C-alpha atoms as a PDB file:
ATOM      1  CA  MET A   1       6.549 -22.768   6.848  1.00  0.00           C
ATOM      2  CA  VAL A   2       6.295 -20.880  10.379  1.00  0.00           C
ATOM      3  CA  LYS A   3       6.089 -24.309  11.820  1.00  0.00           C
ATOM      4  CA  ALA A   4       9.452 -25.059   9.985  1.00  0.00           C
ATOM      5  CA  GLY A   5      10.885 -21.709  11.107  1.00  0.00           C
ATOM      6  CA  LYS A   6      10.452 -20.061   8.036  1.00  0.00           C
ATOM      7  CA  THR A   7       9.830 -16.356   7.398  1.00  0.00           C
ATOM      8  CA  ILE A   8       8.936 -14.233   4.353  1.00  0.00           C
ATOM      9  CA  VAL A   9       9.166 -10.562   4.269  1.00  0.00           C
ATOM     10  CA  MET A  10       7.346  -8.717   1.586  1.00  0.00           C
ATOM     11  CA  VAL A  11       7.700  -4.927   1.113  1.00  0.00           C
ATOM     12  CA  THR A  12       4.760  -3.726  -1.080  1.00  0.00           C
ATOM     13  CA  HIS A  13       2.731  -0.127  -1.839  1.00  0.00           C
ATOM     14  CA  ASP A  14      -0.058  -2.702  -3.207  1.00  0.00           C
ATOM     15  CA  ASN A  15      -2.707  -2.886  -0.772  1.00  0.00           C
ATOM     16  CA  ASP A  16      -4.740  -5.806  -2.121  1.00  0.00           C
ATOM     17  CA  LEU A  17      -1.388  -7.861  -1.966  1.00  0.00           C
ATOM     18  CA  ALA A  18      -0.894  -6.384   1.383  1.00  0.00           C
ATOM     19  CA  ARG A  19      -4.328  -7.700   2.406  1.00  0.00           C
ATOM     20  CA  ARG A  20      -2.880 -11.252   1.770  1.00  0.00           C
ATOM     21  CA  ALA A  21      -0.274 -11.359   4.768  1.00  0.00           C
ATOM     22  CA  THR A  22      -1.213 -12.518   8.242  1.00  0.00           C
ATOM     23  CA  ARG A  23       0.760  -9.550   9.686  1.00  0.00           C
ATOM     24  CA  SER A  24       1.325  -6.144   8.343  1.00  0.00           C
ATOM     25  CA  VAL A  25       3.703  -3.564   9.907  1.00  0.00           C
ATOM     26  CA  ILE A  26       3.335   0.345   8.518  1.00  0.00           C
ATOM     27  CA  VAL A  27       6.344   2.221   8.181  1.00  0.00           C
ATOM     28  CA  SER A  28       6.553   6.163   7.614  1.00  0.00           C
ATOM     29  CA  ASP A  29       9.763   7.714   7.421  1.00  0.00           C
ATOM     30  CA  GLY A  30      11.406   4.654   8.833  1.00  0.00           C
ATOM     31  CA  GLU A  31       9.742   4.142  11.875  1.00  0.00           C
ATOM     32  CA  ILE A  32       6.935   1.743  12.579  1.00  0.00           C
ATOM     33  CA  VAL A  33       3.718   3.924  12.626  1.00  0.00           C
ATOM     34  CA  ASP A  34       1.240   0.727  13.073  1.00  0.00           C
ATOM     35  CA  GLN A  35       0.887  -3.107  12.814  1.00  0.00           C
ATOM     36  CA  TYR A  36      -1.882  -5.733  12.989  1.00  0.00           C
ATOM     37  CA  LEU A  37      -2.342  -9.501  12.686  1.00  0.00           C
ATOM     38  CA  ALA A  38      -4.972 -10.583  10.582  1.00  0.00           C
ATOM     39  CA  TYR A  39      -6.741 -13.740  11.574  1.00  0.00           C
ATOM     40  CA  ARG A  40      -8.442 -15.958   8.980  1.00  0.00           C
ATOM     41  CA  ARG A  41     -10.372 -18.571   9.471  1.00  0.00           C
ATOM     42  CA  ARG A  42      -9.806 -21.643   7.732  1.00  0.00           C
ATOM     43  CA  THR A  43     -12.000 -23.428   5.561  1.00  0.00           C
ATOM     44  CA  GLN A  44     -12.082 -27.112   4.910  1.00  0.00           C
ATOM     45  CA  VAL A  45     -12.557 -27.880   0.954  1.00  0.00           C
END
């Protein structure tokens, strides 16, 4: 999807669901307090 110029924005309080994202932005009181990129190694099946 990224190559096609598409983005999905998901808002959640569920940490298990948030771990599936490649980028997370932590917001508190309307301000960004932390952000990180999660790099996953793709495995071939």
